[in-house]
Amino acid sequence: MISFRSLALSASLFVSLFSLSSAAHAAEFEIKMLNKGSDGQLMVFEPSALKIAPGDTVKFVAADRGHDAISIPGLSPDGFDGINGKISQDVTVTFDKPGAYAFKCAPHFGMGMVGLVVVGDQPANLQALKDAKMPKKARDRMDADIAKLGL
């Protein structure tokens, strides 16, 4: 006969192992905020576009001072709290919900400092991203990021 204590211990062990296995599958990525990218472009996120899986984490690294990473309003899946970085500070975000997440550096948005994280394969909010109004240089870079990810 199985005792309650054995059953509780088995359940606890199962939950612990499941949690560890789920965490082991999540990946961590890094996006640097730079004054100058490796290709010579000024005011960039590098890489500027990532395709990740639900549960993965992205750390936005303030490699150069004077930058932030924040969500572009209306260009993330519904219910997302947003990327809310501060000037010259790193910010880490876990992306749990499939979709496209557009972000910018607020001080350098007009100079085209934008980026894109896509979670999953076909983001439901892709058309909103393609139709979004933004400064010309930002729009050009966002279009290049969309193409880079094959969307």
N, C-alpha and C. Protein backbone atom coordinates (compact mmCIF):
# COMPACT_ATOMS: atom_id res chain seq x y z
N MET A 1 0.84 -1.18 0.00
CA MET A 1 0.00 0.00 0.00
C MET A 1 0.89 1.24 0.00
N ILE A 2 0.52 2.22 -0.77
CA ILE A 2 1.30 3.45 -0.87
C ILE A 2 0.83 4.41 0.21
N SER A 3 1.78 4.93 0.94
CA SER A 3 1.43 5.88 2.00
C SER A 3 1.23 7.28 1.43
N PHE A 4 0.51 8.09 2.16
CA PHE A 4 0.29 9.47 1.77
C PHE A 4 1.62 10.20 1.66
N ARG A 5 2.53 9.91 2.57
CA ARG A 5 3.84 10.57 2.56
C ARG A 5 4.61 10.21 1.28
N SER A 6 4.59 8.95 0.87
CA SER A 6 5.27 8.53 -0.36
C SER A 6 4.65 9.20 -1.58
N LEU A 7 3.34 9.28 -1.58
CA LEU A 7 2.64 9.91 -2.68
C LEU A 7 2.99 11.40 -2.76
N ALA A 8 3.01 12.07 -1.64
CA ALA A 8 3.35 13.50 -1.61
C ALA A 8 4.78 13.72 -2.05
N LEU A 9 5.69 12.87 -1.60
CA LEU A 9 7.10 12.98 -1.99
C LEU A 9 7.26 12.76 -3.49
N SER A 10 6.56 11.77 -4.04
CA SER A 10 6.62 11.49 -5.48
C SER A 10 6.08 12.67 -6.28
N ALA A 11 4.98 13.23 -5.84
CA ALA A 11 4.39 14.39 -6.54
C ALA A 11 5.33 15.58 -6.49
N SER A 12 5.95 15.80 -5.35
CA SER A 12 6.88 16.92 -5.20
C SER A 12 8.09 16.73 -6.11
N LEU A 13 8.60 15.52 -6.18
CA LEU A 13 9.74 15.22 -7.04
C LEU A 13 9.37 15.43 -8.51
N PHE A 14 8.18 14.99 -8.91
CA PHE A 14 7.73 15.17 -10.29
C PHE A 14 7.65 16.65 -10.65
N VAL A 15 7.05 17.45 -9.78
CA VAL A 15 6.92 18.89 -10.04
C VAL A 15 8.30 19.53 -10.15
N SER A 16 9.21 19.15 -9.27
CA SER A 16 10.57 19.71 -9.32
C SER A 16 11.28 19.35 -10.61
N LEU A 17 11.19 18.10 -11.02
CA LEU A 17 11.83 17.67 -12.26
C LEU A 17 11.21 18.33 -13.48
N PHE A 18 9.88 18.47 -13.48
CA PHE A 18 9.21 19.14 -14.59
C PHE A 18 9.66 20.59 -14.68
N SER A 19 9.75 21.27 -13.55
CA SER A 19 10.19 22.67 -13.53
C SER A 19 11.60 22.79 -14.07
N LEU A 20 12.49 21.90 -13.65
CA LEU A 20 13.87 21.95 -14.12
C LEU A 20 13.95 21.67 -15.61
N SER A 21 13.16 20.73 -16.10
CA SER A 21 13.23 20.42 -17.52
C SER A 21 12.67 21.56 -18.36
N SER A 22 11.62 22.23 -17.88
CA SER A 22 11.08 23.37 -18.61
C SER A 22 12.10 24.50 -18.66
N ALA A 23 12.74 24.77 -17.54
CA ALA A 23 13.74 25.84 -17.47
C ALA A 23 14.94 25.50 -18.35
N ALA A 24 15.28 24.23 -18.43
CA ALA A 24 16.44 23.83 -19.22
C ALA A 24 16.21 24.07 -20.71
N HIS A 25 14.96 24.07 -21.14
CA HIS A 25 14.66 24.28 -22.55
C HIS A 25 14.60 25.75 -22.95
N ALA A 26 14.40 26.63 -21.99
CA ALA A 26 14.34 28.06 -22.30
C ALA A 26 15.75 28.56 -22.62
N ALA A 27 15.83 29.41 -23.62
CA ALA A 27 17.13 29.96 -24.03
C ALA A 27 17.22 31.42 -23.60
N GLU A 28 18.44 31.89 -23.50
CA GLU A 28 18.70 33.29 -23.18
C GLU A 28 19.46 33.92 -24.33
N PHE A 29 19.03 35.11 -24.72
CA PHE A 29 19.64 35.86 -25.81
C PHE A 29 20.06 37.22 -25.31
N GLU A 30 20.94 37.86 -26.06
CA GLU A 30 21.43 39.17 -25.70
C GLU A 30 21.33 40.11 -26.90
N ILE A 31 20.81 41.29 -26.67
CA ILE A 31 20.77 42.34 -27.68
C ILE A 31 21.50 43.54 -27.11
N LYS A 32 22.52 44.00 -27.83
CA LYS A 32 23.31 45.14 -27.36
C LYS A 32 22.75 46.45 -27.91
N MET A 33 22.79 47.48 -27.09
CA MET A 33 22.42 48.83 -27.51
C MET A 33 23.72 49.56 -27.79
N LEU A 34 23.91 49.96 -29.06
CA LEU A 34 25.20 50.48 -29.49
C LEU A 34 25.10 51.82 -30.22
N ASN A 35 26.15 52.61 -30.08
CA ASN A 35 26.27 53.84 -30.87
C ASN A 35 26.59 53.52 -32.32
N LYS A 36 27.37 52.44 -32.52
CA LYS A 36 27.78 52.04 -33.86
C LYS A 36 27.82 50.52 -33.93
N GLY A 37 27.11 49.98 -34.92
CA GLY A 37 27.05 48.54 -35.08
C GLY A 37 28.25 47.99 -35.83
N SER A 38 28.35 46.67 -35.89
CA SER A 38 29.48 46.02 -36.56
C SER A 38 29.50 46.30 -38.06
N ASP A 39 28.33 46.68 -38.62
CA ASP A 39 28.28 47.01 -40.05
C ASP A 39 28.47 48.50 -40.32
N GLY A 40 28.76 49.27 -39.26
CA GLY A 40 29.02 50.70 -39.41
C GLY A 40 27.82 51.60 -39.24
N GLN A 41 26.61 51.02 -39.15
CA GLN A 41 25.42 51.84 -38.94
C GLN A 41 25.45 52.45 -37.55
N LEU A 42 24.94 53.67 -37.46
CA LEU A 42 24.89 54.36 -36.18
C LEU A 42 23.57 54.10 -35.47
N MET A 43 23.64 54.12 -34.13
CA MET A 43 22.47 53.96 -33.26
C MET A 43 21.68 52.70 -33.62
N VAL A 44 22.15 51.57 -33.11
CA VAL A 44 21.55 50.28 -33.46
C VAL A 44 21.40 49.37 -32.24
N PHE A 45 20.48 48.45 -32.40
CA PHE A 45 20.41 47.27 -31.55
C PHE A 45 21.12 46.17 -32.33
N GLU A 46 21.92 45.38 -31.63
CA GLU A 46 22.65 44.31 -32.34
C GLU A 46 22.57 43.02 -31.55
N PRO A 47 21.92 41.99 -32.09
CA PRO A 47 21.22 41.97 -33.37
C PRO A 47 19.92 42.77 -33.27
N SER A 48 19.45 43.24 -34.40
CA SER A 48 18.23 44.05 -34.42
C SER A 48 16.97 43.19 -34.57
N ALA A 49 17.13 41.93 -34.93
CA ALA A 49 15.98 41.04 -35.10
C ALA A 49 16.32 39.65 -34.57
N LEU A 50 15.41 39.11 -33.78
CA LEU A 50 15.57 37.76 -33.23
C LEU A 50 14.28 36.99 -33.39
N LYS A 51 14.42 35.70 -33.64
CA LYS A 51 13.28 34.80 -33.62
C LYS A 51 13.54 33.81 -32.49
N ILE A 52 12.62 33.76 -31.53
CA ILE A 52 12.82 32.93 -30.34
C ILE A 52 11.58 32.09 -30.08
N ALA A 53 11.67 31.22 -29.08
CA ALA A 53 10.56 30.36 -28.68
C ALA A 53 9.88 30.94 -27.44
N PRO A 54 8.61 30.61 -27.25
CA PRO A 54 7.94 31.05 -26.02
C PRO A 54 8.72 30.58 -24.79
N GLY A 55 8.86 31.48 -23.83
CA GLY A 55 9.60 31.19 -22.60
C GLY A 55 11.05 31.62 -22.64
N ASP A 56 11.55 31.99 -23.81
CA ASP A 56 12.93 32.46 -23.92
C ASP A 56 13.06 33.86 -23.34
N THR A 57 14.28 34.20 -22.95
CA THR A 57 14.58 35.47 -22.31
C THR A 57 15.56 36.26 -23.17
N VAL A 58 15.35 37.58 -23.23
CA VAL A 58 16.26 38.48 -23.93
C VAL A 58 16.75 39.52 -22.94
N LYS A 59 18.07 39.67 -22.91
CA LYS A 59 18.68 40.72 -22.09
C LYS A 59 19.15 41.83 -23.02
N PHE A 60 18.60 43.02 -22.83
CA PHE A 60 19.01 44.19 -23.58
C PHE A 60 20.16 44.82 -22.80
N VAL A 61 21.33 44.84 -23.41
CA VAL A 61 22.55 45.27 -22.72
C VAL A 61 22.94 46.68 -23.16
N ALA A 62 23.08 47.56 -22.19
CA ALA A 62 23.48 48.95 -22.46
C ALA A 62 25.00 48.98 -22.66
N ALA A 63 25.43 48.46 -23.81
CA ALA A 63 26.87 48.39 -24.11
C ALA A 63 27.45 49.80 -24.25
N ASP A 64 26.68 50.70 -24.82
CA ASP A 64 27.06 52.12 -24.91
C ASP A 64 26.01 52.91 -24.13
N ARG A 65 26.46 53.94 -23.44
CA ARG A 65 25.56 54.76 -22.62
C ARG A 65 24.62 55.61 -23.48
N GLY A 66 23.50 56.01 -22.88
CA GLY A 66 22.58 56.92 -23.55
C GLY A 66 21.45 56.25 -24.32
N HIS A 67 21.29 54.94 -24.14
CA HIS A 67 20.25 54.19 -24.86
C HIS A 67 19.30 53.53 -23.87
N ASP A 68 18.09 53.25 -24.35
CA ASP A 68 17.14 52.44 -23.60
C ASP A 68 16.47 51.48 -24.57
N ALA A 69 15.71 50.56 -24.05
CA ALA A 69 14.92 49.64 -24.87
C ALA A 69 13.51 49.69 -24.31
N ILE A 70 12.57 50.17 -25.14
CA ILE A 70 11.17 50.23 -24.71
C ILE A 70 10.27 49.76 -25.85
N SER A 71 9.13 49.23 -25.49
CA SER A 71 8.17 48.77 -26.49
C SER A 71 7.63 49.94 -27.30
N ILE A 72 7.37 49.69 -28.58
CA ILE A 72 6.69 50.67 -29.41
C ILE A 72 5.19 50.43 -29.17
N PRO A 73 4.47 51.43 -28.69
CA PRO A 73 3.06 51.25 -28.36
C PRO A 73 2.25 50.64 -29.50
N GLY A 74 1.44 49.63 -29.16
CA GLY A 74 0.57 48.98 -30.13
C GLY A 74 1.23 47.93 -30.98
N LEU A 75 2.55 47.70 -30.77
CA LEU A 75 3.26 46.74 -31.62
C LEU A 75 3.82 45.57 -30.82
N SER A 76 2.99 45.05 -29.94
CA SER A 76 3.26 43.84 -29.17
C SER A 76 1.93 43.11 -29.01
N PRO A 77 1.96 41.81 -28.73
CA PRO A 77 0.70 41.09 -28.53
C PRO A 77 -0.10 41.68 -27.36
N ASP A 78 -1.42 41.56 -27.46
CA ASP A 78 -2.30 42.03 -26.39
C ASP A 78 -1.92 41.38 -25.07
N GLY A 79 -1.95 42.17 -24.02
CA GLY A 79 -1.67 41.66 -22.68
C GLY A 79 -0.21 41.74 -22.26
N PHE A 80 0.68 42.10 -23.18
CA PHE A 80 2.10 42.20 -22.84
C PHE A 80 2.34 43.49 -22.06
N ASP A 81 3.05 43.39 -20.94
CA ASP A 81 3.30 44.56 -20.09
C ASP A 81 4.27 45.55 -20.71
N GLY A 82 5.04 45.11 -21.68
CA GLY A 82 5.96 46.01 -22.35
C GLY A 82 7.40 45.86 -21.89
N ILE A 83 8.29 46.30 -22.75
CA ILE A 83 9.71 46.41 -22.43
C ILE A 83 9.87 47.83 -21.90
N ASN A 84 10.36 47.96 -20.69
CA ASN A 84 10.41 49.26 -20.03
C ASN A 84 11.81 49.57 -19.51
N GLY A 85 12.77 49.60 -20.40
CA GLY A 85 14.14 49.88 -20.00
C GLY A 85 14.35 51.33 -19.63
N LYS A 86 15.39 51.57 -18.90
CA LYS A 86 15.80 52.93 -18.50
C LYS A 86 17.10 53.28 -19.23
N ILE A 87 17.33 54.56 -19.41
CA ILE A 87 18.54 55.03 -20.09
C ILE A 87 19.79 54.46 -19.41
N SER A 88 20.67 53.90 -20.23
CA SER A 88 21.97 53.37 -19.80
C SER A 88 21.88 52.21 -18.81
N GLN A 89 20.75 51.50 -18.80
CA GLN A 89 20.60 50.34 -17.91
C GLN A 89 20.16 49.12 -18.70
N ASP A 90 20.68 47.96 -18.29
CA ASP A 90 20.25 46.70 -18.89
C ASP A 90 18.81 46.42 -18.46
N VAL A 91 18.11 45.69 -19.29
CA VAL A 91 16.76 45.23 -18.95
C VAL A 91 16.59 43.82 -19.52
N THR A 92 15.99 42.94 -18.72
CA THR A 92 15.78 41.55 -19.13
C THR A 92 14.29 41.27 -19.21
N VAL A 93 13.89 40.62 -20.31
CA VAL A 93 12.47 40.34 -20.55
C VAL A 93 12.32 38.88 -20.96
N THR A 94 11.34 38.20 -20.36
CA THR A 94 10.97 36.85 -20.79
C THR A 94 9.73 36.97 -21.64
N PHE A 95 9.79 36.37 -22.83
CA PHE A 95 8.69 36.44 -23.79
C PHE A 95 7.93 35.12 -23.77
N ASP A 96 6.74 35.13 -23.20
CA ASP A 96 5.95 33.91 -23.05
C ASP A 96 4.90 33.71 -24.13
N LYS A 97 4.44 34.79 -24.72
CA LYS A 97 3.32 34.72 -25.67
C LYS A 97 3.81 34.87 -27.11
N PRO A 98 3.37 34.00 -28.02
CA PRO A 98 3.74 34.14 -29.43
C PRO A 98 3.30 35.49 -30.00
N GLY A 99 4.10 36.01 -30.92
CA GLY A 99 3.78 37.27 -31.57
C GLY A 99 5.02 38.07 -31.89
N ALA A 100 4.80 39.24 -32.48
CA ALA A 100 5.89 40.17 -32.82
C ALA A 100 5.94 41.26 -31.76
N TYR A 101 7.15 41.58 -31.32
CA TYR A 101 7.38 42.60 -30.30
C TYR A 101 8.36 43.62 -30.88
N ALA A 102 7.86 44.80 -31.20
CA ALA A 102 8.72 45.86 -31.74
C ALA A 102 9.18 46.74 -30.58
N PHE A 103 10.44 47.17 -30.65
CA PHE A 103 10.98 48.02 -29.59
C PHE A 103 11.85 49.10 -30.20
N LYS A 104 12.14 50.11 -29.39
CA LYS A 104 12.92 51.25 -29.85
C LYS A 104 13.78 51.77 -28.72
N CYS A 105 14.75 52.59 -29.12
CA CYS A 105 15.48 53.43 -28.17
C CYS A 105 14.79 54.79 -28.29
N ALA A 106 14.15 55.24 -27.22
CA ALA A 106 13.37 56.48 -27.29
C ALA A 106 14.19 57.68 -27.78
N PRO A 107 15.41 57.91 -27.25
CA PRO A 107 16.17 59.08 -27.72
C PRO A 107 16.59 59.00 -29.19
N HIS A 108 16.68 57.80 -29.74
CA HIS A 108 17.23 57.63 -31.09
C HIS A 108 16.24 56.99 -32.06
N PHE A 109 14.96 57.03 -31.74
CA PHE A 109 13.92 56.45 -32.60
C PHE A 109 13.93 57.10 -33.99
N GLY A 110 14.03 58.42 -34.03
CA GLY A 110 14.06 59.14 -35.30
C GLY A 110 15.28 58.82 -36.14
N MET A 111 16.33 58.31 -35.50
CA MET A 111 17.54 57.92 -36.21
C MET A 111 17.48 56.45 -36.64
N GLY A 112 16.34 55.81 -36.37
CA GLY A 112 16.16 54.43 -36.83
C GLY A 112 16.55 53.36 -35.84
N MET A 113 16.70 53.70 -34.56
CA MET A 113 17.11 52.69 -33.58
C MET A 113 15.89 51.91 -33.11
N VAL A 114 15.60 50.84 -33.87
CA VAL A 114 14.46 49.96 -33.60
C VAL A 114 14.92 48.52 -33.71
N GLY A 115 14.10 47.63 -33.17
CA GLY A 115 14.39 46.22 -33.26
C GLY A 115 13.13 45.40 -33.16
N LEU A 116 13.28 44.09 -33.34
CA LEU A 116 12.15 43.19 -33.42
C LEU A 116 12.49 41.84 -32.80
N VAL A 117 11.61 41.38 -31.91
CA VAL A 117 11.68 40.02 -31.39
C VAL A 117 10.40 39.33 -31.83
N VAL A 118 10.54 38.19 -32.48
CA VAL A 118 9.38 37.40 -32.89
C VAL A 118 9.41 36.10 -32.11
N VAL A 119 8.31 35.84 -31.44
CA VAL A 119 8.15 34.62 -30.65
C VAL A 119 7.23 33.68 -31.42
N GLY A 120 7.75 32.52 -31.76
CA GLY A 120 6.97 31.56 -32.54
C GLY A 120 7.20 31.77 -34.03
N ASP A 121 6.35 31.11 -34.83
CA ASP A 121 6.58 31.10 -36.28
C ASP A 121 5.85 32.17 -37.06
N GLN A 122 4.57 32.32 -36.85
CA GLN A 122 3.78 33.28 -37.62
C GLN A 122 3.03 34.20 -36.66
N PRO A 123 3.59 35.37 -36.37
CA PRO A 123 2.95 36.27 -35.41
C PRO A 123 1.60 36.79 -35.92
N ALA A 124 0.58 36.69 -35.07
CA ALA A 124 -0.77 37.14 -35.44
C ALA A 124 -0.82 38.65 -35.65
N ASN A 125 0.09 39.39 -35.03
CA ASN A 125 0.08 40.85 -35.13
C ASN A 125 1.07 41.38 -36.18
N LEU A 126 1.47 40.55 -37.12
CA LEU A 126 2.45 40.94 -38.13
C LEU A 126 1.94 42.09 -39.01
N GLN A 127 0.69 42.04 -39.41
CA GLN A 127 0.17 43.09 -40.30
C GLN A 127 0.19 44.45 -39.60
N ALA A 128 -0.14 44.49 -38.32
CA ALA A 128 -0.08 45.76 -37.57
C ALA A 128 1.35 46.31 -37.57
N LEU A 129 2.32 45.43 -37.45
CA LEU A 129 3.72 45.83 -37.47
C LEU A 129 4.10 46.40 -38.85
N LYS A 130 3.64 45.74 -39.90
CA LYS A 130 3.95 46.19 -41.27
C LYS A 130 3.27 47.52 -41.60
N ASP A 131 2.10 47.76 -41.00
CA ASP A 131 1.33 48.98 -41.29
C ASP A 131 1.66 50.15 -40.37
N ALA A 132 2.43 49.92 -39.32
CA ALA A 132 2.68 50.95 -38.31
C ALA A 132 3.41 52.16 -38.89
N LYS A 133 2.97 53.32 -38.47
CA LYS A 133 3.63 54.57 -38.86
C LYS A 133 4.79 54.82 -37.90
N MET A 134 5.94 55.16 -38.48
CA MET A 134 7.11 55.51 -37.68
C MET A 134 8.03 56.36 -38.54
N PRO A 135 9.02 57.03 -37.93
CA PRO A 135 9.95 57.84 -38.74
C PRO A 135 10.56 57.00 -39.87
N LYS A 136 10.87 57.64 -41.00
CA LYS A 136 11.33 56.94 -42.20
C LYS A 136 12.49 55.98 -41.94
N LYS A 137 13.52 56.45 -41.25
CA LYS A 137 14.68 55.58 -41.02
C LYS A 137 14.30 54.38 -40.14
N ALA A 138 13.44 54.62 -39.15
CA ALA A 138 12.96 53.52 -38.31
C ALA A 138 12.12 52.55 -39.14
N ARG A 139 11.26 53.08 -39.99
CA ARG A 139 10.42 52.23 -40.85
C ARG A 139 11.29 51.38 -41.77
N ASP A 140 12.31 51.98 -42.36
CA ASP A 140 13.21 51.24 -43.25
C ASP A 140 13.92 50.11 -42.51
N ARG A 141 14.40 50.40 -41.32
CA ARG A 141 15.09 49.36 -40.54
C ARG A 141 14.13 48.27 -40.08
N MET A 142 12.91 48.67 -39.68
CA MET A 142 11.93 47.66 -39.26
C MET A 142 11.58 46.76 -40.43
N ASP A 143 11.38 47.34 -41.62
CA ASP A 143 11.10 46.53 -42.81
C ASP A 143 12.24 45.56 -43.10
N ALA A 144 13.47 46.02 -42.93
CA ALA A 144 14.64 45.15 -43.13
C ALA A 144 14.66 44.02 -42.11
N ASP A 145 14.28 44.32 -40.87
CA ASP A 145 14.22 43.27 -39.83
C ASP A 145 13.15 42.24 -40.13
N ILE A 146 12.00 42.71 -40.59
CA ILE A 146 10.92 41.79 -40.96
C ILE A 146 11.39 40.86 -42.07
N ALA A 147 12.05 41.43 -43.07
CA ALA A 147 12.58 40.62 -44.18
C ALA A 147 13.66 39.66 -43.71
N LYS A 148 14.53 40.15 -42.81
CA LYS A 148 15.62 39.32 -42.29
C LYS A 148 15.10 38.05 -41.62
N LEU A 149 13.93 38.16 -40.99
CA LEU A 149 13.34 37.01 -40.31
C LEU A 149 12.45 36.19 -41.23
N GLY A 150 12.35 36.62 -42.49
CA GLY A 150 11.56 35.86 -43.47
C GLY A 150 10.07 35.93 -43.24
N LEU A 151 9.59 37.06 -42.73
CA LEU A 151 8.15 37.19 -42.44
C LEU A 151 7.41 37.93 -43.53
